[in-house]
PDB file of N, CA and C in Angstrom:
ATOM      1  N   MET A   1     -15.159 -55.830  73.289  1.00  0.00           N
ATOM      2  CA  MET A   1     -16.131 -56.739  72.761  1.00  0.00           C
ATOM      3  C   MET A   1     -15.250 -58.225  72.518  1.00  0.00           C
ATOM      4  N   THR A   2     -15.638 -58.702  73.370  1.00  0.00           N
ATOM      5  CA  THR A   2     -15.560 -60.469  73.281  1.00  0.00           C
ATOM      6  C   THR A   2     -16.274 -61.169  71.881  1.00  0.00           C
ATOM      7  N   GLN A   3     -15.662 -62.127  71.873  1.00  0.00           N
ATOM      8  CA  GLN A   3     -16.038 -62.798  71.005  1.00  0.00           C
ATOM      9  C   GLN A   3     -16.817 -63.235  71.293  1.00  0.00           C
ATOM     10  N   ASP A   4     -18.322 -64.020  70.825  1.00  0.00           N
ATOM     11  CA  ASP A   4     -19.736 -65.196  71.473  1.00  0.00           C
ATOM     12  C   ASP A   4     -19.130 -66.056  71.374  1.00  0.00           C
ATOM     13  N   TYR A   5     -18.690 -66.645  70.361  1.00  0.00           N
ATOM     14  CA  TYR A   5     -18.873 -67.460  69.557  1.00  0.00           C
ATOM     15  C   TYR A   5     -16.834 -68.270  69.098  1.00  0.00           C
ATOM     16  N   LYS A   6     -16.922 -69.405  68.354  1.00  0.00           N
ATOM     17  CA  LYS A   6     -16.024 -70.066  68.561  1.00  0.00           C
ATOM     18  C   LYS A   6     -15.932 -70.225  66.657  1.00  0.00           C
ATOM     19  N   LEU A   7     -13.776 -69.881  66.666  1.00  0.00           N
ATOM     20  CA  LEU A   7     -13.731 -70.046  65.639  1.00  0.00           C
ATOM     21  C   LEU A   7     -14.202 -71.490  64.912  1.00  0.00           C
ATOM     22  N   PRO A   8     -13.700 -71.834  63.389  1.00  0.00           N
ATOM     23  CA  PRO A   8     -14.399 -73.052  63.066  1.00  0.00           C
ATOM     24  C   PRO A   8     -13.677 -74.418  63.899  1.00  0.00           C
ATOM     25  N   ASP A   9     -12.743 -74.491  64.297  1.00  0.00           N
ATOM     26  CA  ASP A   9     -11.484 -75.284  64.656  1.00  0.00           C
ATOM     27  C   ASP A   9     -11.377 -75.488  65.825  1.00  0.00           C
ATOM     28  N   ASP A  10     -12.273 -74.805  66.705  1.00  0.00           N
ATOM     29  CA  ASP A  10     -12.477 -74.747  68.267  1.00  0.00           C
ATOM     30  C   ASP A  10     -13.938 -75.425  68.688  1.00  0.00           C
ATOM     31  N   CYS A  11     -14.514 -75.714  67.844  1.00  0.00           N
ATOM     32  CA  CYS A  11     -16.232 -75.902  67.401  1.00  0.00           C
ATOM     33  C   CYS A  11     -15.960 -77.569  67.822  1.00  0.00           C
ATOM     34  N   THR A  12     -17.140 -77.731  69.156  1.00  0.00           N
ATOM     35  CA  THR A  12     -16.995 -78.954  69.090  1.00  0.00           C
ATOM     36  C   THR A  12     -18.310 -79.487  69.547  1.00  0.00           C
ATOM     37  N   ASP A  13     -19.239 -78.564  69.035  1.00  0.00           N
ATOM     38  CA  ASP A  13     -20.670 -79.438  68.416  1.00  0.00           C
ATOM     39  C   ASP A  13     -21.440 -78.453  67.379  1.00  0.00           C
ATOM     40  N   MET A  14     -22.513 -78.806  67.154  1.00  0.00           N
ATOM     41  CA  MET A  14     -23.849 -77.802  66.336  1.00  0.00           C
ATOM     42  C   MET A  14     -23.855 -76.339  66.891  1.00  0.00           C
ATOM     43  N   ARG A  15     -24.186 -76.629  68.178  1.00  0.00           N
ATOM     44  CA  ARG A  15     -24.953 -74.847  69.068  1.00  0.00           C
ATOM     45  C   ARG A  15     -23.757 -74.343  68.585  1.00  0.00           C
ATOM     46  N   ASP A  16     -21.910 -75.327  68.711  1.00  0.00           N
ATOM     47  CA  ASP A  16     -20.697 -74.054  68.546  1.00  0.00           C
ATOM     48  C   ASP A  16     -20.747 -73.862  67.204  1.00  0.00           C
ATOM     49  N   VAL A  17     -21.218 -74.885  66.312  1.00  0.00           N
ATOM     50  CA  VAL A  17     -21.472 -74.157  64.605  1.00  0.00           C
ATOM     51  C   VAL A  17     -22.474 -73.338  64.625  1.00  0.00           C
ATOM     52  N   ARG A  18     -23.449 -73.340  64.660  1.00  0.00           N
ATOM     53  CA  ARG A  18     -24.755 -72.325  64.489  1.00  0.00           C
ATOM     54  C   ARG A  18     -24.345 -70.799  64.818  1.00  0.00           C
ATOM     55  N   ARG A  19     -23.670 -70.838  66.270  1.00  0.00           N
ATOM     56  CA  ARG A  19     -23.499 -69.755  66.876  1.00  0.00           C
ATOM     57  C   ARG A  19     -22.466 -69.016  66.072  1.00  0.00           C
ATOM     58  N   GLY A  20     -21.893 -69.704  65.505  1.00  0.00           N
ATOM     59  CA  GLY A  20     -20.479 -69.212  64.482  1.00  0.00           C
ATOM     60  C   GLY A  20     -20.753 -68.281  63.329  1.00  0.00           C
ATOM     61  N   VAL A  21     -22.110 -69.645  62.883  1.00  0.00           N
ATOM     62  CA  VAL A  21     -22.131 -69.224  61.014  1.00  0.00           C
ATOM     63  C   VAL A  21     -23.809 -67.603  61.317  1.00  0.00           C
ATOM     64  N   ASP A  22     -24.415 -67.799  63.041  1.00  0.00           N
ATOM     65  CA  ASP A  22     -25.060 -66.385  62.878  1.00  0.00           C
ATOM     66  C   ASP A  22     -24.165 -65.360  63.170  1.00  0.00           C
ATOM     67  N   ALA A  23     -23.130 -65.091  64.131  1.00  0.00           N
ATOM     68  CA  ALA A  23     -22.346 -64.387  64.187  1.00  0.00           C
ATOM     69  C   ALA A  23     -21.700 -63.733  62.678  1.00  0.00           C
ATOM     70  N   THR A  24     -21.492 -64.821  62.098  1.00  0.00           N
ATOM     71  CA  THR A  24     -20.145 -64.280  60.621  1.00  0.00           C
ATOM     72  C   THR A  24     -21.836 -63.709  59.448  1.00  0.00           C
ATOM     73  N   ASP A  25     -22.519 -64.605  59.334  1.00  0.00           N
ATOM     74  CA  ASP A  25     -23.695 -64.048  58.872  1.00  0.00           C
ATOM     75  C   ASP A  25     -24.222 -62.444  59.365  1.00  0.00           C
ATOM     76  N   ARG A  26     -23.591 -62.035  60.742  1.00  0.00           N
ATOM     77  CA  ARG A  26     -23.913 -60.243  61.338  1.00  0.00           C
ATOM     78  C   ARG A  26     -23.249 -59.541  60.615  1.00  0.00           C
ATOM     79  N   GLU A  27     -21.476 -60.848  60.715  1.00  0.00           N
ATOM     80  CA  GLU A  27     -21.006 -59.366  60.168  1.00  0.00           C
ATOM     81  C   GLU A  27     -20.574 -59.329  58.540  1.00  0.00           C
ATOM     82  N   LEU A  28     -21.203 -60.054  58.266  1.00  0.00           N
ATOM     83  CA  LEU A  28     -21.284 -60.183  56.029  1.00  0.00           C
ATOM     84  C   LEU A  28     -22.203 -59.255  55.970  1.00  0.00           C
ATOM     85  N   MET A  29     -23.271 -59.041  57.091  1.00  0.00           N
ATOM     86  CA  MET A  29     -24.505 -57.898  56.661  1.00  0.00           C
ATOM     87  C   MET A  29     -24.083 -55.822  57.192  1.00  0.00           C
ATOM     88  N   ASP A  30     -22.508 -56.839  57.974  1.00  0.00           N
ATOM     89  CA  ASP A  30     -21.893 -55.158  58.346  1.00  0.00           C
ATOM     90  C   ASP A  30     -21.179 -54.775  56.657  1.00  0.00           C
ATOM     91  N   LEU A  31     -20.358 -55.634  56.404  1.00  0.00           N
ATOM     92  CA  LEU A  31     -20.076 -55.165  54.933  1.00  0.00           C
ATOM     93  C   LEU A  31     -20.298 -54.842  54.162  1.00  0.00           C
ATOM     94  N   LEU A  32     -21.711 -55.406  54.126  1.00  0.00           N
ATOM     95  CA  LEU A  32     -22.223 -55.596  53.330  1.00  0.00           C
ATOM     96  C   LEU A  32     -23.443 -53.954  53.589  1.00  0.00           C
ATOM     97  N   GLU A  33     -23.192 -53.613  54.703  1.00  0.00           N
ATOM     98  CA  GLU A  33     -23.811 -52.513  55.174  1.00  0.00           C
ATOM     99  C   GLU A  33     -22.602 -50.946  54.539  1.00  0.00           C
ATOM    100  N   ARG A  34     -21.271 -51.644  54.684  1.00  0.00           N
ATOM    101  CA  ARG A  34     -20.887 -50.945  54.128  1.00  0.00           C
ATOM    102  C   ARG A  34     -20.704 -51.073  52.436  1.00  0.00           C
ATOM    103  N   ARG A  35     -20.184 -52.368  52.073  1.00  0.00           N
ATOM    104  CA  ARG A  35     -20.836 -52.029  50.418  1.00  0.00           C
ATOM    105  C   ARG A  35     -21.554 -50.664  49.742  1.00  0.00           C
ATOM    106  N   PHE A  36     -22.412 -51.363  50.159  1.00  0.00           N
ATOM    107  CA  PHE A  36     -23.574 -50.865  49.985  1.00  0.00           C
ATOM    108  C   PHE A  36     -23.739 -49.281  50.092  1.00  0.00           C
ATOM    109  N   GLY A  37     -22.458 -48.995  51.027  1.00  0.00           N
ATOM    110  CA  GLY A  37     -23.042 -46.796  51.225  1.00  0.00           C
ATOM    111  C   GLY A  37     -21.873 -46.418  50.024  1.00  0.00           C
ATOM    112  N   TYR A  38     -20.650 -47.702  49.678  1.00  0.00           N
ATOM    113  CA  TYR A  38     -20.166 -46.770  49.089  1.00  0.00           C
ATOM    114  C   TYR A  38     -20.531 -46.439  47.639  1.00  0.00           C
ATOM    115  N   MET A  39     -21.812 -47.469  47.509  1.00  0.00           N
ATOM    116  CA  MET A  39     -22.368 -47.450  45.801  1.00  0.00           C
ATOM    117  C   MET A  39     -23.176 -45.762  46.013  1.00  0.00           C
ATOM    118  N   ARG A  40     -23.363 -45.557  46.839  1.00  0.00           N
ATOM    119  CA  ARG A  40     -24.204 -44.454  47.638  1.00  0.00           C
ATOM    120  C   ARG A  40     -23.167 -43.125  46.969  1.00  0.00           C
ATOM    121  N   ALA A  41     -21.797 -43.324  48.082  1.00  0.00           N
ATOM    122  CA  ALA A  41     -21.125 -42.426  47.655  1.00  0.00           C
ATOM    123  C   ALA A  41     -21.304 -42.480  45.770  1.00  0.00           C
ATOM    124  N   ALA A  42     -20.528 -43.851  45.401  1.00  0.00           N
ATOM    125  CA  ALA A  42     -20.564 -43.330  43.885  1.00  0.00           C
ATOM    126  C   ALA A  42     -21.428 -42.756  42.958  1.00  0.00           C
ATOM    127  N   ALA A  43     -22.492 -43.103  43.447  1.00  0.00           N
ATOM    128  CA  ALA A  43     -24.340 -42.430  43.096  1.00  0.00           C
ATOM    129  C   ALA A  43     -24.116 -40.789  42.876  1.00  0.00           C
ATOM    130  N   ARG A  44     -23.642 -40.404  44.414  1.00  0.00           N
ATOM    131  CA  ARG A  44     -23.466 -39.073  44.793  1.00  0.00           C
ATOM    132  C   ARG A  44     -21.955 -38.880  43.755  1.00  0.00           C
ATOM    133  N   ILE A  45     -21.174 -39.017  43.025  1.00  0.00           N
ATOM    134  CA  ILE A  45     -19.649 -38.684  43.079  1.00  0.00           C
ATOM    135  C   ILE A  45     -19.797 -38.774  41.296  1.00  0.00           C
ATOM    136  N   LYS A  46     -20.583 -39.866  41.051  1.00  0.00           N
ATOM    137  CA  LYS A  46     -21.052 -39.602  39.400  1.00  0.00           C
ATOM    138  C   LYS A  46     -22.010 -38.697  39.389  1.00  0.00           C
ATOM    139  N   SER A  47     -21.164 -37.869  37.544  1.00  0.00           N
ATOM    140  CA  SER A  47     -22.714 -37.024  36.628  1.00  0.00           C
ATOM    141  C   SER A  47     -22.981 -37.789  36.422  1.00  0.00           C
ATOM    142  N   ASP A  48     -22.885 -38.613  35.768  1.00  0.00           N
ATOM    143  CA  ASP A  48     -23.747 -39.306  34.052  1.00  0.00           C
ATOM    144  C   ASP A  48     -24.127 -40.694  35.120  1.00  0.00           C
ATOM    145  N   ARG A  49     -25.805 -40.484  34.607  1.00  0.00           N
ATOM    146  CA  ARG A  49     -26.052 -42.005  35.055  1.00  0.00           C
ATOM    147  C   ARG A  49     -25.902 -42.590  34.207  1.00  0.00           C
ATOM    148  N   HIS A  50     -25.317 -42.755  33.314  1.00  0.00           N
ATOM    149  CA  HIS A  50     -25.096 -43.873  31.896  1.00  0.00           C
ATOM    150  C   HIS A  50     -23.128 -44.677  32.306  1.00  0.00           C
ATOM    151  N   ALA A  51     -22.998 -44.041  33.373  1.00  0.00           N
ATOM    152  CA  ALA A  51     -21.446 -44.024  34.263  1.00  0.00           C
ATOM    153  C   ALA A  51     -22.104 -44.883  35.910  1.00  0.00           C
ATOM    154  N   VAL A  52     -22.929 -45.148  35.805  1.00  0.00           N
ATOM    155  CA  VAL A  52     -23.376 -46.283  36.986  1.00  0.00           C
ATOM    156  C   VAL A  52     -23.258 -48.208  36.504  1.00  0.00           C
ATOM    157  N   ARG A  53     -23.375 -48.235  35.061  1.00  0.00           N
ATOM    158  CA  ARG A  53     -23.274 -49.034  34.474  1.00  0.00           C
ATOM    159  C   ARG A  53     -21.765 -49.409  33.920  1.00  0.00           C
ATOM    160  N   ASP A  54     -20.409 -49.865  34.113  1.00  0.00           N
ATOM    161  CA  ASP A  54     -18.917 -49.925  34.073  1.00  0.00           C
ATOM    162  C   ASP A  54     -19.181 -51.424  33.527  1.00  0.00           C
ATOM    163  N   GLU A  55     -19.142 -52.325  32.340  1.00  0.00           N
ATOM    164  CA  GLU A  55     -18.840 -54.057  32.359  1.00  0.00           C
ATOM    165  C   GLU A  55     -17.652 -53.750  32.533  1.00  0.00           C
ATOM    166  N   ALA A  56     -17.058 -53.419  32.084  1.00  0.00           N
ATOM    167  CA  ALA A  56     -14.875 -53.853  32.085  1.00  0.00           C
ATOM    168  C   ALA A  56     -14.783 -54.110  33.743  1.00  0.00           C
ATOM    169  N   ARG A  57     -15.253 -52.940  35.015  1.00  0.00           N
ATOM    170  CA  ARG A  57     -14.979 -53.176  36.483  1.00  0.00           C
ATOM    171  C   ARG A  57     -15.603 -53.977  36.902  1.00  0.00           C
ATOM    172  N   LYS A  58     -16.865 -54.501  36.505  1.00  0.00           N
ATOM    173  CA  LYS A  58     -18.146 -55.208  36.537  1.00  0.00           C
ATOM    174  C   LYS A  58     -17.097 -57.023  36.968  1.00  0.00           C
ATOM    175  N   ALA A  59     -16.942 -57.289  35.621  1.00  0.00           N
ATOM    176  CA  ALA A  59     -16.122 -57.904  35.256  1.00  0.00           C
ATOM    177  C   ALA A  59     -14.501 -58.348  36.533  1.00  0.00           C
ATOM    178  N   GLU A  60     -13.643 -57.001  36.312  1.00  0.00           N
ATOM    179  CA  GLU A  60     -12.794 -56.690  37.135  1.00  0.00           C
ATOM    180  C   GLU A  60     -13.292 -57.307  38.427  1.00  0.00           C
ATOM    181  N   VAL A  61     -14.473 -56.674  39.260  1.00  0.00           N
ATOM    182  CA  VAL A  61     -14.834 -57.238  40.105  1.00  0.00           C
ATOM    183  C   VAL A  61     -14.918 -59.057  40.448  1.00  0.00           C
ATOM    184  N   VAL A  62     -15.371 -59.071  39.585  1.00  0.00           N
ATOM    185  CA  VAL A  62     -16.325 -60.238  39.718  1.00  0.00           C
ATOM    186  C   VAL A  62     -15.161 -61.774  39.080  1.00  0.00           C
ATOM    187  N   GLY A  63     -14.255 -61.574  38.707  1.00  0.00           N
ATOM    188  CA  GLY A  63     -12.896 -61.869  38.404  1.00  0.00           C
ATOM    189  C   GLY A  63     -11.803 -62.278  39.110  1.00  0.00           C
ATOM    190  N   ASN A  64     -11.959 -61.099  40.155  1.00  0.00           N
ATOM    191  CA  ASN A  64     -10.828 -60.961  41.788  1.00  0.00           C
ATOM    192  C   ASN A  64     -11.932 -61.669  42.919  1.00  0.00           C
ATOM    193  N   ALA A  65     -13.542 -62.070  42.746  1.00  0.00           N
ATOM    194  CA  ALA A  65     -13.793 -63.008  43.652  1.00  0.00           C
ATOM    195  C   ALA A  65     -13.343 -64.032  43.377  1.00  0.00           C
ATOM    196  N   ARG A  66     -13.566 -64.587  42.401  1.00  0.00           N
ATOM    197  CA  ARG A  66     -13.131 -65.106  41.495  1.00  0.00           C
ATOM    198  C   ARG A  66     -12.072 -66.512  42.379  1.00  0.00           C
ATOM    199  N   SER A  67     -10.792 -65.383  41.588  1.00  0.00           N
ATOM    200  CA  SER A  67      -9.491 -65.934  41.452  1.00  0.00           C
ATOM    201  C   SER A  67      -9.604 -65.823  43.577  1.00  0.00           C
ATOM    202  N   ASP A  68      -9.635 -65.321  43.602  1.00  0.00           N
ATOM    203  CA  ASP A  68      -9.871 -64.799  45.631  1.00  0.00           C
ATOM    204  C   ASP A  68     -10.320 -66.273  46.459  1.00  0.00           C
ATOM    205  N   ALA A  69     -11.428 -66.814  46.117  1.00  0.00           N
ATOM    206  CA  ALA A  69     -11.809 -67.597  45.658  1.00  0.00           C
ATOM    207  C   ALA A  69     -11.242 -69.204  46.152  1.00  0.00           C
ATOM    208  N   ILE A  70     -10.537 -69.013  45.076  1.00  0.00           N
ATOM    209  CA  ILE A  70      -9.121 -70.315  44.883  1.00  0.00           C
ATOM    210  C   ILE A  70      -8.166 -70.543  45.536  1.00  0.00           C
ATOM    211  N   ARG A  71      -7.167 -69.195  45.386  1.00  0.00           N
ATOM    212  CA  ARG A  71      -6.746 -69.142  46.271  1.00  0.00           C
ATOM    213  C   ARG A  71      -7.407 -69.305  47.987  1.00  0.00           C
ATOM    214  N   ARG A  72      -8.171 -69.256  48.260  1.00  0.00           N
ATOM    215  CA  ARG A  72      -7.933 -69.600  49.591  1.00  0.00           C
ATOM    216  C   ARG A  72      -9.779 -71.513  49.586  1.00  0.00           C
ATOM    217  N   ASN A  73      -8.954 -71.891  48.472  1.00  0.00           N
ATOM    218  CA  ASN A  73      -9.683 -73.094  48.289  1.00  0.00           C
ATOM    219  C   ASN A  73     -10.787 -73.254  48.873  1.00  0.00           C
ATOM    220  N   LEU A  74     -11.474 -71.819  48.198  1.00  0.00           N
ATOM    221  CA  LEU A  74     -13.387 -72.208  48.559  1.00  0.00           C
ATOM    222  C   LEU A  74     -13.718 -72.381  47.219  1.00  0.00           C
ATOM    223  N   PRO A  75     -15.366 -72.730  46.955  1.00  0.00           N
ATOM    224  CA  PRO A  75     -15.619 -72.857  45.442  1.00  0.00           C
ATOM    225  C   PRO A  75     -15.989 -71.941  45.143  1.00  0.00           C
ATOM    226  N   ALA A  76     -15.522 -71.815  43.381  1.00  0.00           N
ATOM    227  CA  ALA A  76     -15.149 -70.037  42.774  1.00  0.00           C
ATOM    228  C   ALA A  76     -16.257 -70.257  42.170  1.00  0.00           C
ATOM    229  N   ASP A  77     -16.623 -71.215  41.247  1.00  0.00           N
ATOM    230  CA  ASP A  77     -17.452 -70.885  40.351  1.00  0.00           C
ATOM    231  C   ASP A  77     -18.423 -70.114  41.406  1.00  0.00           C
ATOM    232  N   PRO A  78     -18.964 -71.230  42.094  1.00  0.00           N
ATOM    233  CA  PRO A  78     -20.627 -70.441  42.951  1.00  0.00           C
ATOM    234  C   PRO A  78     -20.370 -69.290  43.410  1.00  0.00           C
ATOM    235  N   LEU A  79     -18.965 -68.825  43.588  1.00  0.00           N
ATOM    236  CA  LEU A  79     -18.746 -67.550  44.442  1.00  0.00           C
ATOM    237  C   LEU A  79     -18.867 -66.395  43.344  1.00  0.00           C
ATOM    238  N   ARG A  80     -18.315 -66.775  41.829  1.00  0.00           N
ATOM    239  CA  ARG A  80     -18.559 -66.204  41.414  1.00  0.00           C
ATOM    240  C   ARG A  80     -19.770 -65.235  41.057  1.00  0.00           C
ATOM    241  N   ARG A  81     -20.758 -66.571  41.428  1.00  0.00           N
ATOM    242  CA  ARG A  81     -22.418 -66.494  40.672  1.00  0.00           C
ATOM    243  C   ARG A  81     -22.808 -65.404  41.720  1.00  0.00           C
ATOM    244  N   ILE A  82     -22.396 -65.766  42.803  1.00  0.00           N
ATOM    245  CA  ILE A  82     -22.608 -64.817  44.210  1.00  0.00           C
ATOM    246  C   ILE A  82     -22.291 -63.435  43.419  1.00  0.00           C
ATOM    247  N   TRP A  83     -20.848 -63.308  43.378  1.00  0.00           N
ATOM    248  CA  TRP A  83     -20.703 -62.087  43.146  1.00  0.00           C
ATOM    249  C   TRP A  83     -21.128 -61.309  42.457  1.00  0.00           C
ATOM    250  N   GLU A  84     -21.451 -62.195  41.275  1.00  0.00           N
ATOM    251  CA  GLU A  84     -22.108 -61.390  39.758  1.00  0.00           C
ATOM    252  C   GLU A  84     -22.979 -60.791  40.311  1.00  0.00           C
ATOM    253  N   ASP A  85     -23.605 -61.867  41.330  1.00  0.00           N
ATOM    254  CA  ASP A  85     -25.191 -60.894  41.649  1.00  0.00           C
ATOM    255  C   ASP A  85     -25.332 -59.926  42.625  1.00  0.00           C
ATOM    256  N   LEU A  86     -24.538 -59.914  43.605  1.00  0.00           N
ATOM    257  CA  LEU A  86     -24.026 -58.829  44.156  1.00  0.00           C
ATOM    258  C   LEU A  86     -23.636 -57.491  43.385  1.00  0.00           C
ATOM    259  N   VAL A  87     -22.758 -57.851  42.576  1.00  0.00           N
ATOM    260  CA  VAL A  87     -21.861 -56.356  41.552  1.00  0.00           C
ATOM    261  C   VAL A  87     -23.762 -55.754  40.809  1.00  0.00           C
ATOM    262  N   GLU A  88     -24.657 -57.012  39.965  1.00  0.00           N
ATOM    263  CA  GLU A  88     -25.299 -56.358  39.815  1.00  0.00           C
ATOM    264  C   GLU A  88     -27.041 -56.134  40.898  1.00  0.00           C
ATOM    265  N   THR A  89     -27.013 -56.468  41.648  1.00  0.00           N
ATOM    266  CA  THR A  89     -27.854 -55.817  43.150  1.00  0.00           C
ATOM    267  C   THR A  89     -26.858 -54.252  43.010  1.00  0.00           C
ATOM    268  N   SER A  90     -25.684 -54.153  43.896  1.00  0.00           N
ATOM    269  CA  SER A  90     -25.520 -52.978  43.516  1.00  0.00           C
ATOM    270  C   SER A  90     -25.389 -52.099  42.498  1.00  0.00           C
ATOM    271  N   ILE A  91     -24.815 -52.438  41.143  1.00  0.00           N
ATOM    272  CA  ILE A  91     -25.774 -51.419  40.262  1.00  0.00           C
ATOM    273  C   ILE A  91     -26.957 -51.012  40.486  1.00  0.00           C
ATOM    274  N   ALA A  92     -28.488 -51.704  40.985  1.00  0.00           N
ATOM    275  CA  ALA A  92     -29.683 -51.350  40.718  1.00  0.00           C
ATOM    276  C   ALA A  92     -30.005 -50.580  41.717  1.00  0.00           C
ATOM    277  N   TYR A  93     -28.674 -50.623  42.873  1.00  0.00           N
ATOM    278  CA  TYR A  93     -28.714 -49.790  44.049  1.00  0.00           C
ATOM    279  C   TYR A  93     -28.653 -48.654  43.906  1.00  0.00           C
ATOM    280  N   GLU A  94     -27.027 -48.179  43.564  1.00  0.00           N
ATOM    281  CA  GLU A  94     -26.563 -47.085  43.028  1.00  0.00           C
ATOM    282  C   GLU A  94     -27.586 -45.929  42.000  1.00  0.00           C
ATOM    283  N   LEU A  95     -28.310 -47.151  41.123  1.00  0.00           N
ATOM    284  CA  LEU A  95     -28.850 -46.324  39.792  1.00  0.00           C
ATOM    285  C   LEU A  95     -30.217 -45.908  40.107  1.00  0.00           C
ATOM    286  N   VAL A  96     -30.584 -46.190  41.630  1.00  0.00           N
ATOM    287  CA  VAL A  96     -31.656 -46.203  42.054  1.00  0.00           C
ATOM    288  C   VAL A  96     -31.445 -44.907  43.243  1.00  0.00           C
ATOM    289  N   GLU A  97     -30.403 -45.049  44.354  1.00  0.00           N
ATOM    290  CA  GLU A  97     -29.700 -43.897  44.594  1.00  0.00           C
ATOM    291  C   GLU A  97     -29.637 -42.384  43.262  1.00  0.00           C
ATOM    292  N   TRP A  98     -28.793 -43.038  42.352  1.00  0.00           N
ATOM    293  CA  TRP A  98     -28.456 -41.841  42.020  1.00  0.00           C
ATOM    294  C   TRP A  98     -29.661 -41.438  41.384  1.00  0.00           C
ATOM    295  N   ASP A  99     -31.145 -41.370  40.833  1.00  0.00           N
ATOM    296  CA  ASP A  99     -32.069 -41.075  40.416  1.00  0.00           C
ATOM    297  C   ASP A  99     -33.026 -40.213  41.868  1.00  0.00           C
ATOM    298  N   ARG A 100     -32.417 -40.844  43.686  1.00  0.00           N
ATOM    299  CA  ARG A 100     -33.035 -39.869  44.261  1.00  0.00           C
ATOM    300  C   ARG A 100     -32.426 -39.127  44.637  1.00  0.00           C
ATOM    301  N   LEU A 101     -31.142 -38.907  44.129  1.00  0.00           N
ATOM    302  CA  LEU A 101     -30.762 -37.741  44.535  1.00  0.00           C
ATOM    303  C   LEU A 101     -29.968 -36.082  43.662  1.00  0.00           C
ATOM    304  N   ARG A 102     -31.396 -37.187  42.503  1.00  0.00           N
ATOM    305  CA  ARG A 102     -31.173 -35.727  41.710  1.00  0.00           C
ATOM    306  C   ARG A 102     -32.733 -35.220  41.400  1.00  0.00           C
ATOM    307  N   GLU A 103     -33.917 -35.683  42.094  1.00  0.00           N
ATOM    308  CA  GLU A 103     -34.939 -35.966  41.719  1.00  0.00           C
ATOM    309  C   GLU A 103     -35.427 -34.711  41.725  1.00  0.00           C
ATOM    310  N   GLY A 104     -36.044 -33.344  40.916  1.00  0.00           N
ATOM    311  CA  GLY A 104     -36.448 -32.682  40.973  1.00  0.00           C
ATOM    312  C   GLY A 104     -35.626 -31.869  41.018  1.00  0.00           C
ATOM    313  N   ASN A 105     -34.707 -32.121  40.366  1.00  0.00           N
ATOM    314  CA  ASN A 105     -33.309 -31.130  39.605  1.00  0.00           C
ATOM    315  C   ASN A 105     -33.382 -30.673  38.225  1.00  0.00           C
TER     316      ASN A 105
END
């Protein structure tokens, strides 16, 4: 499959930029779909509902994202906040999945 967008340094007009942004957003959704698949797996594997929220792991994931942003020269604190929201959304999703898998038991 050929790429239907240009990389940032190859863009020559706003149409190129917008096409690249839209393609990147689709790729991000693919990655988020996979990430939430891991949340479903975690819900299936964890036997205790209280194990879903792990503050130490949350801090590690958010800290890793912030450190990675710094290494890439990206806005670290705004991305840290995005990751905090992502992890909280993931926890909420995992709790719903944990309950769904065990309803009626």
